[in-house]
Amino acid sequence: MACDSLTEIIRGDTLPFTITMSIDGNPVSIVGDTIYFTLKANKTDLDASAVLQYSYTYTSNTNTLAGIGDFKVPASSMANVPPGTYYYDLQWKRNVTPVEIYTISLGQVKVSADMTISTA
């Protein structure tokens, strides 16, 4: 599993990710799998109290069959995140039986205020 760690996000910007998924060094299909990106003020907050939680489910294409997936947290989702420092994680939920959950990345990230508020 590969994903870069986050250090800073600009409020209101699109947040792109590219992930490469493998198990024991072997690429695995991520078709039907879901990625969750969660921001919380405190690690112990319930998901329902998260500052932001965004999920994306992968459809079938050449990349996802090879374990490579792109997704973006939309600017509209990031627009209302107050500047501050938050805990985040990026989790992979495999669509297998039984369900498997893997944490791809986690840590603290700074959300900085955006300079340009409105764009044409």
C-alpha atoms as a PDB file:
ATOM      1  CA  MET A   1       0.000   0.000   0.000  1.00  0.00           C
ATOM      2  CA  ALA A   2       1.336   3.402  -0.857  1.00  0.00           C
ATOM      3  CA  CYS A   3       0.149   6.921  -0.189  1.00  0.00           C
ATOM      4  CA  ASP A   4       2.086  10.029   0.725  1.00  0.00           C
ATOM      5  CA  SER A   5       1.532  11.517   4.190  1.00  0.00           C
ATOM      6  CA  LEU A   6      -0.219  14.860   4.413  1.00  0.00           C
ATOM      7  CA  THR A   7       1.309  17.868   6.143  1.00  0.00           C
ATOM      8  CA  GLU A   8      -0.804  20.811   4.930  1.00  0.00           C
ATOM      9  CA  ILE A   9      -4.097  21.298   3.098  1.00  0.00           C
ATOM     10  CA  ILE A  10      -5.510  24.599   1.848  1.00  0.00           C
ATOM     11  CA  ARG A  11      -9.160  25.064   2.799  1.00  0.00           C
ATOM     12  CA  GLY A  12     -11.377  25.066  -0.288  1.00  0.00           C
ATOM     13  CA  ASP A  13      -8.866  23.303  -2.543  1.00  0.00           C
ATOM     14  CA  THR A  14      -9.494  19.983  -4.267  1.00  0.00           C
ATOM     15  CA  LEU A  15      -7.518  17.284  -2.467  1.00  0.00           C
ATOM     16  CA  PRO A  16      -6.209  14.658  -4.946  1.00  0.00           C
ATOM     17  CA  PHE A  17      -4.923  11.222  -4.013  1.00  0.00           C
ATOM     18  CA  THR A  18      -3.352   8.395  -5.972  1.00  0.00           C
ATOM     19  CA  ILE A  19      -3.070   5.083  -4.188  1.00  0.00           C
ATOM     20  CA  THR A  20      -1.357   1.861  -5.161  1.00  0.00           C
ATOM     21  CA  MET A  21      -2.743  -1.168  -3.381  1.00  0.00           C
ATOM     22  CA  SER A  22      -0.954  -4.462  -2.873  1.00  0.00           C
ATOM     23  CA  ILE A  23      -0.994  -7.297  -0.395  1.00  0.00           C
ATOM     24  CA  ASP A  24       2.274  -9.106   0.319  1.00  0.00           C
ATOM     25  CA  GLY A  25       3.835  -7.092  -2.522  1.00  0.00           C
ATOM     26  CA  ASN A  26       1.289  -8.251  -5.102  1.00  0.00           C
ATOM     27  CA  PRO A  27      -1.065  -5.715  -6.731  1.00  0.00           C
ATOM     28  CA  VAL A  28      -4.744  -6.405  -6.004  1.00  0.00           C
ATOM     29  CA  SER A  29      -7.853  -5.207  -7.778  1.00  0.00           C
ATOM     30  CA  ILE A  30      -9.656  -2.391  -5.961  1.00  0.00           C
ATOM     31  CA  VAL A  31     -12.838  -2.618  -8.049  1.00  0.00           C
ATOM     32  CA  GLY A  32     -15.789  -2.206  -5.670  1.00  0.00           C
ATOM     33  CA  ASP A  33     -13.501  -1.180  -2.801  1.00  0.00           C
ATOM     34  CA  THR A  34     -14.072   2.065  -0.893  1.00  0.00           C
ATOM     35  CA  ILE A  35     -11.588   4.668   0.314  1.00  0.00           C
ATOM     36  CA  TYR A  36     -12.475   6.892   3.291  1.00  0.00           C
ATOM     37  CA  PHE A  37     -10.779  10.204   4.102  1.00  0.00           C
ATOM     38  CA  THR A  38     -11.638  11.494   7.581  1.00  0.00           C
ATOM     39  CA  LEU A  39     -10.626  14.698   9.410  1.00  0.00           C
ATOM     40  CA  LYS A  40     -11.306  14.991  13.149  1.00  0.00           C
ATOM     41  CA  ALA A  41     -10.539  17.579  15.799  1.00  0.00           C
ATOM     42  CA  ASN A  42      -9.834  14.762  18.301  1.00  0.00           C
ATOM     43  CA  LYS A  43      -8.856  11.168  17.607  1.00  0.00           C
ATOM     44  CA  THR A  44     -11.673   9.902  19.837  1.00  0.00           C
ATOM     45  CA  ASP A  45     -14.462  11.854  18.096  1.00  0.00           C
ATOM     46  CA  LEU A  46     -17.155   9.694  16.570  1.00  0.00           C
ATOM     47  CA  ASP A  47     -17.240   9.569  12.780  1.00  0.00           C
ATOM     48  CA  ALA A  48     -20.578  11.398  12.922  1.00  0.00           C
ATOM     49  CA  SER A  49     -18.742  14.314  14.606  1.00  0.00           C
ATOM     50  CA  ALA A  50     -15.883  14.398  12.088  1.00  0.00           C
ATOM     51  CA  VAL A  51     -14.999  17.771  10.603  1.00  0.00           C
ATOM     52  CA  LEU A  52     -15.050  15.998   7.235  1.00  0.00           C
ATOM     53  CA  GLN A  53     -15.571  12.461   6.035  1.00  0.00           C
ATOM     54  CA  TYR A  54     -15.481  11.676   2.328  1.00  0.00           C
ATOM     55  CA  SER A  55     -15.691   8.285   0.662  1.00  0.00           C
ATOM     56  CA  TYR A  56     -15.146   7.046  -2.866  1.00  0.00           C
ATOM     57  CA  THR A  57     -15.930   3.619  -4.335  1.00  0.00           C
ATOM     58  CA  TYR A  58     -13.825   2.435  -7.256  1.00  0.00           C
ATOM     59  CA  THR A  59     -15.314   1.275 -10.552  1.00  0.00           C
ATOM     60  CA  SER A  60     -13.654  -1.057 -13.014  1.00  0.00           C
ATOM     61  CA  ASN A  61     -10.946   0.207 -15.355  1.00  0.00           C
ATOM     62  CA  THR A  62      -7.411  -0.807 -16.314  1.00  0.00           C
ATOM     63  CA  ASN A  63      -5.843   1.004 -13.341  1.00  0.00           C
ATOM     64  CA  THR A  64      -8.238  -0.215 -10.641  1.00  0.00           C
ATOM     65  CA  LEU A  65      -7.881  -3.799 -11.846  1.00  0.00           C
ATOM     66  CA  ALA A  66      -4.119  -3.342 -11.274  1.00  0.00           C
ATOM     67  CA  GLY A  67      -4.617  -1.835  -7.803  1.00  0.00           C
ATOM     68  CA  ILE A  68      -4.051   1.805  -8.783  1.00  0.00           C
ATOM     69  CA  GLY A  69      -6.709   4.318  -7.852  1.00  0.00           C
ATOM     70  CA  ASP A  70      -7.172   8.051  -8.126  1.00  0.00           C
ATOM     71  CA  PHE A  71      -9.772  10.011  -6.206  1.00  0.00           C
ATOM     72  CA  LYS A  72     -10.329  13.606  -5.216  1.00  0.00           C
ATOM     73  CA  VAL A  73     -11.961  15.154  -2.185  1.00  0.00           C
ATOM     74  CA  PRO A  74     -13.912  17.918  -3.948  1.00  0.00           C
ATOM     75  CA  ALA A  75     -13.248  21.603  -3.295  1.00  0.00           C
ATOM     76  CA  SER A  76     -16.885  21.934  -2.199  1.00  0.00           C
ATOM     77  CA  SER A  77     -16.257  19.421   0.610  1.00  0.00           C
ATOM     78  CA  MET A  78     -13.078  21.215   1.701  1.00  0.00           C
ATOM     79  CA  ALA A  79     -14.642  24.715   1.562  1.00  0.00           C
ATOM     80  CA  ASN A  80     -16.206  24.615   5.033  1.00  0.00           C
ATOM     81  CA  VAL A  81     -13.296  23.091   6.941  1.00  0.00           C
ATOM     82  CA  PRO A  82     -12.129  25.705   9.472  1.00  0.00           C
ATOM     83  CA  PRO A  83      -8.389  26.417   9.502  1.00  0.00           C
ATOM     84  CA  GLY A  84      -6.620  24.470  12.223  1.00  0.00           C
ATOM     85  CA  THR A  85      -4.725  21.268  12.942  1.00  0.00           C
ATOM     86  CA  TYR A  86      -6.620  18.001  12.662  1.00  0.00           C
ATOM     87  CA  TYR A  87      -6.124  14.274  12.873  1.00  0.00           C
ATOM     88  CA  TYR A  88      -6.724  12.411   9.644  1.00  0.00           C
ATOM     89  CA  ASP A  89      -6.730   8.945   8.260  1.00  0.00           C
ATOM     90  CA  LEU A  90      -7.163   7.352   4.893  1.00  0.00           C
ATOM     91  CA  GLN A  91      -8.720   3.890   5.078  1.00  0.00           C
ATOM     92  CA  TRP A  92      -9.186   1.203   2.463  1.00  0.00           C
ATOM     93  CA  LYS A  93     -12.249  -1.028   2.828  1.00  0.00           C
ATOM     94  CA  ARG A  94     -11.890  -4.151   0.675  1.00  0.00           C
ATOM     95  CA  ASN A  95     -15.065  -5.510  -0.828  1.00  0.00           C
ATOM     96  CA  VAL A  96     -14.327  -9.100   0.190  1.00  0.00           C
ATOM     97  CA  THR A  97     -15.862 -11.580   2.646  1.00  0.00           C
ATOM     98  CA  PRO A  98     -15.089 -11.070   5.425  1.00  0.00           C
ATOM     99  CA  VAL A  99     -14.585  -7.333   4.924  1.00  0.00           C
ATOM    100  CA  GLU A 100     -10.993  -6.142   5.358  1.00  0.00           C
ATOM    101  CA  ILE A 101     -10.006  -2.648   6.542  1.00  0.00           C
ATOM    102  CA  TYR A 102      -6.520  -1.192   6.082  1.00  0.00           C
ATOM    103  CA  THR A 103      -5.255   2.195   7.252  1.00  0.00           C
ATOM    104  CA  ILE A 104      -3.182   3.604   4.401  1.00  0.00           C
ATOM    105  CA  SER A 105      -2.116   6.878   5.989  1.00  0.00           C
ATOM    106  CA  LEU A 106      -2.754   8.714   9.247  1.00  0.00           C
ATOM    107  CA  GLY A 107      -1.392  11.601  11.240  1.00  0.00           C
ATOM    108  CA  GLN A 108      -1.928  15.275  11.827  1.00  0.00           C
ATOM    109  CA  VAL A 109      -2.491  17.797   9.080  1.00  0.00           C
ATOM    110  CA  LYS A 110      -2.698  21.567   9.089  1.00  0.00           C
ATOM    111  CA  VAL A 111      -5.614  23.140   7.218  1.00  0.00           C
ATOM    112  CA  SER A 112      -4.626  26.656   6.174  1.00  0.00           C
ATOM    113  CA  ALA A 113      -6.999  29.441   5.200  1.00  0.00           C
ATOM    114  CA  ASP A 114      -7.404  30.030   1.505  1.00  0.00           C
ATOM    115  CA  MET A 115      -6.462  33.394   0.053  1.00  0.00           C
ATOM    116  CA  THR A 116      -8.839  33.500  -2.919  1.00  0.00           C
ATOM    117  CA  ILE A 117     -12.373  32.993  -1.634  1.00  0.00           C
ATOM    118  CA  SER A 118     -14.352  33.288  -4.862  1.00  0.00           C
ATOM    119  CA  THR A 119     -13.272  32.145  -8.289  1.00  0.00           C
ATOM    120  CA  ALA A 120     -14.832  32.736 -11.705  1.00  0.00           C
END
